[in-house]
Amino acid sequence: MTEHRTRKRFGQHFLHDRNLVDRMVRTLGLQQDDTLVEIGPGRGALTYPLLEEIPHLHVVELDRDLIALLRQENSPERLTIHESDALRFDFRTLKPADKPLRVIGNLPYNITTPLLFHLLAQGSIIEDMCFMLQKEVVERICAAPGNKQYGRLSIMIQYQCAATQLFVVPPEAFDPPPKVESAIIYLQPLSQNRGGEVALAALNQIVTQAFSQRRKTIANTLKKQVTSETFEQVGIDPSQRPETVSVEQYVQLTQGFLQQQRT
């Protein structure tokens, strides 16, 4: 393939370790009739092994030079290229009538969090997602209550998704090598959100406020939003730290907060 210069503004780090790529592809257990979309195909390190497994693949790419290279080497029958910013792309347009979408990618570090939330906003049409992310971000997403990594990202994603860290990817697997380790995460949108239904904006408001001062107790950080009666009903000791409260309990606190606003 023709040489391509990495672009810092796109956060590009290209994967070149075929063994790690194959391991990631095997994770999906692909079926011939799967509708799979890859975000950020780059130089095709993941794209070509995927095309060895399935007859057709969708890719979403913003870099025009990379798009030109992919078009040069692939037929439209095998590879459909969507020239778009993944943060604005409507993944619902790719869903077939009979099956949900599957999503894979080596995501740019600089857009990871907003892109995950963008995808989860369309989670009802997605079967699963497998991504290579910064290891620290994967650890934060998968963290359990009581873990120092547990916070807003853990709660907001685990509310909507089952999240599993699969394996770690060293910097030398990329060109150029990033300054951090990466990891593979597997995400499955839930058919029912954890702890019950609540407006995402309200949950985000409560969780963001709770973690605005991590060293303070949850009763202190949420004193303007949540009453002592609500803490008692939810089974939270007001002296608890925000990182010890479960996803389900944050949902209940948000429901209590919304109830107060209505009365």
Protein backbone atom coordinates (compact mmCIF):
# COMPACT_ATOMS: atom_id res chain seq x y z
CA MET A 1 0.00 0.00 0.00
CA THR A 2 1.18 3.55 -0.73
CA GLU A 3 2.82 5.30 2.23
CA HIS A 4 0.50 7.51 4.27
CA ARG A 5 1.60 10.14 6.77
CA THR A 6 -0.16 10.03 10.11
CA ARG A 7 -2.14 13.12 11.02
CA LYS A 8 -2.02 14.32 14.60
CA ARG A 9 -5.36 16.12 14.31
CA PHE A 10 -7.05 12.77 13.61
CA GLY A 11 -5.22 11.07 16.51
CA GLN A 12 -3.88 8.45 14.11
CA HIS A 13 -1.89 5.46 15.39
CA PHE A 14 -1.94 2.56 12.94
CA LEU A 15 -2.04 -1.02 14.19
CA HIS A 16 0.42 -3.36 12.48
CA ASP A 17 0.60 -6.47 14.70
CA ARG A 18 -1.30 -9.18 12.75
CA ASN A 19 -1.48 -11.59 15.71
CA LEU A 20 -3.29 -8.99 17.82
CA VAL A 21 -5.57 -8.12 14.90
CA ASP A 22 -6.51 -11.78 14.42
CA ARG A 23 -7.21 -12.12 18.13
CA MET A 24 -9.52 -9.09 17.99
CA VAL A 25 -11.34 -10.43 14.92
CA ARG A 26 -11.81 -13.87 16.55
CA THR A 27 -13.48 -12.15 19.51
CA LEU A 28 -16.46 -11.27 17.31
CA GLY A 29 -17.14 -14.80 16.02
CA LEU A 30 -18.35 -13.30 12.75
CA GLN A 31 -21.16 -14.82 10.68
CA GLN A 32 -21.38 -14.51 6.88
CA ASP A 33 -24.61 -12.49 7.06
CA ASP A 34 -23.42 -10.03 9.73
CA THR A 35 -23.65 -6.33 8.93
CA LEU A 36 -20.37 -5.03 10.28
CA VAL A 37 -19.10 -1.47 10.32
CA GLU A 38 -15.50 -0.51 11.08
CA ILE A 39 -14.79 2.95 12.43
CA GLY A 40 -11.51 4.48 11.27
CA PRO A 41 -10.07 1.75 9.01
CA GLY A 42 -6.78 3.65 8.60
CA ARG A 43 -4.36 1.67 6.44
CA GLY A 44 -6.58 -1.41 6.59
CA ALA A 45 -4.77 -3.43 9.27
CA LEU A 46 -8.14 -4.55 10.61
CA THR A 47 -10.12 -4.09 7.40
CA TYR A 48 -8.37 -6.75 5.33
CA PRO A 49 -8.49 -9.52 7.98
CA LEU A 50 -12.20 -8.72 8.43
CA LEU A 51 -12.77 -9.10 4.68
CA GLU A 52 -11.19 -12.55 4.89
CA GLU A 53 -14.04 -13.49 7.27
CA ILE A 54 -17.09 -11.82 5.72
CA PRO A 55 -18.13 -10.95 2.14
CA HIS A 56 -18.86 -7.25 2.76
CA LEU A 57 -17.80 -4.53 5.18
CA HIS A 58 -18.86 -0.93 5.86
CA VAL A 59 -16.16 1.54 6.96
CA VAL A 60 -16.47 5.11 8.24
CA GLU A 61 -13.39 7.24 7.50
CA LEU A 62 -12.69 10.98 7.48
CA ASP A 63 -9.15 11.11 6.07
CA ARG A 64 -9.47 11.60 2.29
CA ASP A 65 -5.98 10.22 1.56
CA LEU A 66 -6.82 6.97 3.32
CA ILE A 67 -10.19 6.81 1.56
CA ALA A 68 -8.42 7.12 -1.81
CA LEU A 69 -6.07 4.24 -0.90
CA LEU A 70 -8.95 2.02 0.23
CA ARG A 71 -10.92 2.76 -2.95
CA GLN A 72 -7.88 1.95 -5.05
CA GLU A 73 -7.51 -1.52 -3.56
CA ASN A 74 -11.13 -2.61 -2.98
CA SER A 75 -14.29 -2.99 -5.01
CA PRO A 76 -17.51 -1.28 -3.83
CA GLU A 77 -19.18 -4.72 -3.74
CA ARG A 78 -16.83 -5.78 -0.93
CA LEU A 79 -16.11 -2.49 0.84
CA THR A 80 -18.58 0.37 1.26
CA ILE A 81 -16.74 3.52 2.31
CA HIS A 82 -18.67 6.23 4.15
CA GLU A 83 -16.68 9.46 3.95
CA SER A 84 -17.78 10.99 7.22
CA ASP A 85 -16.91 12.05 10.75
CA ALA A 86 -17.94 9.09 12.94
CA LEU A 87 -19.11 11.54 15.61
CA ARG A 88 -21.81 12.79 13.24
CA PHE A 89 -22.51 9.62 11.29
CA ASP A 90 -26.00 8.09 11.56
CA PHE A 91 -25.27 4.38 12.06
CA ARG A 92 -29.00 3.64 11.86
CA THR A 93 -28.78 4.09 8.08
CA LEU A 94 -26.69 0.91 7.85
CA LYS A 95 -28.97 -1.42 9.82
CA PRO A 96 -30.64 -4.13 7.72
CA ALA A 97 -34.28 -4.99 8.37
CA ASP A 98 -33.63 -8.34 10.04
CA LYS A 99 -30.49 -7.97 12.20
CA PRO A 100 -28.75 -5.39 14.37
CA LEU A 101 -25.39 -3.85 13.46
CA ARG A 102 -22.02 -4.97 14.77
CA VAL A 103 -19.31 -2.33 15.22
CA ILE A 104 -15.52 -2.61 15.46
CA GLY A 105 -12.57 -0.24 15.36
CA ASN A 106 -9.29 1.11 16.62
CA LEU A 107 -10.70 4.39 17.91
CA PRO A 108 -8.72 7.65 17.92
CA TYR A 109 -7.89 8.57 21.53
CA ASN A 110 -9.02 12.17 21.10
CA ILE A 111 -12.68 11.31 20.33
CA THR A 112 -13.19 8.09 22.30
CA THR A 113 -15.64 9.28 24.96
CA PRO A 114 -17.96 11.39 22.75
CA LEU A 115 -17.94 8.64 20.10
CA LEU A 116 -18.98 5.97 22.62
CA PHE A 117 -21.87 8.16 23.78
CA HIS A 118 -22.84 8.85 20.15
CA LEU A 119 -22.98 5.10 19.47
CA LEU A 120 -24.90 4.33 22.65
CA ALA A 121 -27.50 6.94 21.68
CA GLN A 122 -28.14 4.54 18.76
CA GLY A 123 -27.66 1.43 20.93
CA SER A 124 -31.06 -0.06 20.10
CA ILE A 125 -29.82 -0.96 16.59
CA ILE A 126 -26.41 -2.29 17.71
CA GLU A 127 -25.78 -5.90 18.73
CA ASP A 128 -22.24 -5.41 20.03
CA MET A 129 -19.07 -3.34 19.73
CA CYS A 130 -15.41 -4.30 19.95
CA PHE A 131 -12.89 -1.48 20.21
CA MET A 132 -9.24 -0.84 20.79
CA LEU A 133 -9.00 2.08 23.23
CA GLN A 134 -6.50 3.65 25.57
CA LYS A 135 -6.04 1.14 28.42
CA GLU A 136 -6.78 3.74 31.08
CA VAL A 137 -10.13 4.52 29.42
CA VAL A 138 -11.03 0.82 29.22
CA GLU A 139 -10.22 0.42 32.92
CA ARG A 140 -12.40 3.41 33.77
CA ILE A 141 -15.32 2.07 31.70
CA CYS A 142 -15.13 -1.40 33.29
CA ALA A 143 -14.40 -0.30 36.88
CA ALA A 144 -16.62 -1.52 39.72
CA PRO A 145 -17.79 0.59 42.68
CA GLY A 146 -15.00 1.04 45.22
CA ASN A 147 -12.31 1.08 42.53
CA LYS A 148 -10.40 4.37 42.22
CA GLN A 149 -11.03 4.27 38.43
CA TYR A 150 -14.81 4.15 38.96
CA GLY A 151 -16.54 7.39 37.99
CA ARG A 152 -18.84 9.15 35.56
CA LEU A 153 -17.64 7.21 32.50
CA SER A 154 -18.09 3.84 34.30
CA ILE A 155 -21.64 4.68 35.39
CA MET A 156 -22.91 6.27 32.18
CA ILE A 157 -21.66 3.39 30.01
CA GLN A 158 -22.49 0.54 32.40
CA TYR A 159 -26.03 1.94 32.75
CA GLN A 160 -26.55 1.17 29.05
CA CYS A 161 -24.00 -1.55 28.34
CA ALA A 162 -22.28 -4.73 29.52
CA ALA A 163 -18.56 -3.92 29.35
CA THR A 164 -15.63 -6.37 29.38
CA GLN A 165 -11.90 -5.71 29.09
CA LEU A 166 -10.45 -8.49 26.92
CA PHE A 167 -6.68 -7.99 26.57
CA VAL A 168 -3.92 -5.36 26.62
CA VAL A 169 -2.14 -4.10 23.49
CA PRO A 170 1.44 -2.76 23.87
CA PRO A 171 2.51 0.56 22.25
CA GLU A 172 4.92 -1.22 19.87
CA ALA A 173 1.93 -2.81 18.09
CA PHE A 174 1.27 0.63 16.52
CA ASP A 175 2.97 2.96 14.07
CA PRO A 176 3.82 5.46 15.45
CA PRO A 177 3.86 3.91 18.95
CA PRO A 178 1.57 5.90 21.30
CA LYS A 179 2.86 6.95 24.71
CA VAL A 180 0.23 4.81 26.44
CA GLU A 181 -0.91 1.19 26.49
CA SER A 182 -4.12 0.21 24.73
CA ALA A 183 -6.68 -2.48 25.47
CA ILE A 184 -9.53 -4.27 23.71
CA ILE A 185 -13.01 -3.72 25.13
CA TYR A 186 -16.19 -5.62 24.26
CA LEU A 187 -19.48 -3.76 24.73
CA GLN A 188 -23.02 -5.11 24.47
CA PRO A 189 -25.91 -2.63 24.66
CA LEU A 190 -28.47 -3.85 27.21
CA SER A 191 -32.08 -4.53 26.23
CA GLN A 192 -33.05 -2.94 29.57
CA ASN A 193 -30.90 -0.27 31.21
CA ARG A 194 -29.43 -1.14 34.61
CA GLY A 195 -31.53 -0.01 37.56
CA GLY A 196 -34.54 1.07 35.49
CA GLU A 197 -35.36 3.85 33.07
CA VAL A 198 -34.29 7.44 33.67
CA ALA A 199 -33.49 10.41 31.43
CA LEU A 200 -29.81 10.22 30.42
CA ALA A 201 -29.36 13.97 30.78
CA ALA A 202 -30.64 13.86 34.37
CA LEU A 203 -28.48 10.84 35.25
CA ASN A 204 -25.45 12.58 33.77
CA GLN A 205 -26.25 15.72 35.80
CA ILE A 206 -26.42 13.79 39.08
CA VAL A 207 -23.33 11.68 38.39
CA THR A 208 -21.26 14.66 37.22
CA GLN A 209 -22.21 16.62 40.34
CA ALA A 210 -21.50 13.63 42.61
CA PHE A 211 -17.97 13.28 41.25
CA SER A 212 -17.25 17.03 41.08
CA GLN A 213 -15.42 16.71 44.42
CA ARG A 214 -14.41 13.07 44.84
CA ARG A 215 -12.98 13.51 48.34
CA LYS A 216 -16.27 14.78 49.75
CA THR A 217 -19.14 12.55 50.87
CA ILE A 218 -22.01 11.96 48.49
CA ALA A 219 -24.41 13.78 50.83
CA ASN A 220 -22.15 16.82 50.59
CA THR A 221 -21.72 16.85 46.81
CA LEU A 222 -25.44 16.19 46.17
CA LYS A 223 -26.88 18.28 49.02
CA LYS A 224 -28.77 20.56 46.58
CA GLN A 225 -30.16 17.69 44.49
CA VAL A 226 -30.95 14.81 46.86
CA THR A 227 -32.77 14.80 50.20
CA SER A 228 -31.70 12.76 53.23
CA GLU A 229 -34.96 10.79 52.85
CA THR A 230 -33.97 9.76 49.31
CA PHE A 231 -30.52 8.60 50.47
CA GLU A 232 -32.23 6.50 53.14
CA GLN A 233 -34.76 5.03 50.69
CA VAL A 234 -31.99 4.06 48.27
CA GLY A 235 -29.93 2.51 51.06
CA ILE A 236 -26.98 4.88 50.88
CA ASP A 237 -25.10 6.02 53.95
CA PRO A 238 -24.72 9.82 53.51
CA SER A 239 -21.08 9.49 54.61
CA GLN A 240 -20.24 7.25 51.61
CA ARG A 241 -17.86 8.49 48.94
CA PRO A 242 -19.30 8.89 45.40
CA GLU A 243 -17.08 6.03 44.07
CA THR A 244 -18.74 3.49 46.42
CA VAL A 245 -22.27 4.01 45.06
CA SER A 246 -23.51 1.50 42.46
CA VAL A 247 -24.92 2.25 39.01
CA GLU A 248 -28.37 1.12 40.16
CA GLN A 249 -28.21 3.44 43.18
CA TYR A 250 -27.28 6.42 40.99
CA VAL A 251 -30.32 5.65 38.85
CA GLN A 252 -32.52 5.61 41.97
CA LEU A 253 -31.00 8.88 43.21
CA THR A 254 -31.77 10.45 39.83
CA GLN A 255 -35.34 9.15 39.92
CA GLY A 256 -35.70 10.68 43.40
CA PHE A 257 -34.26 13.97 42.18
CA LEU A 258 -36.71 14.08 39.24
CA GLN A 259 -39.61 13.24 41.54
CA GLN A 260 -38.71 16.17 43.81
CA GLN A 261 -38.67 18.50 40.83
CA ARG A 262 -42.17 17.44 39.85
CA THR A 263 -43.63 18.04 43.34
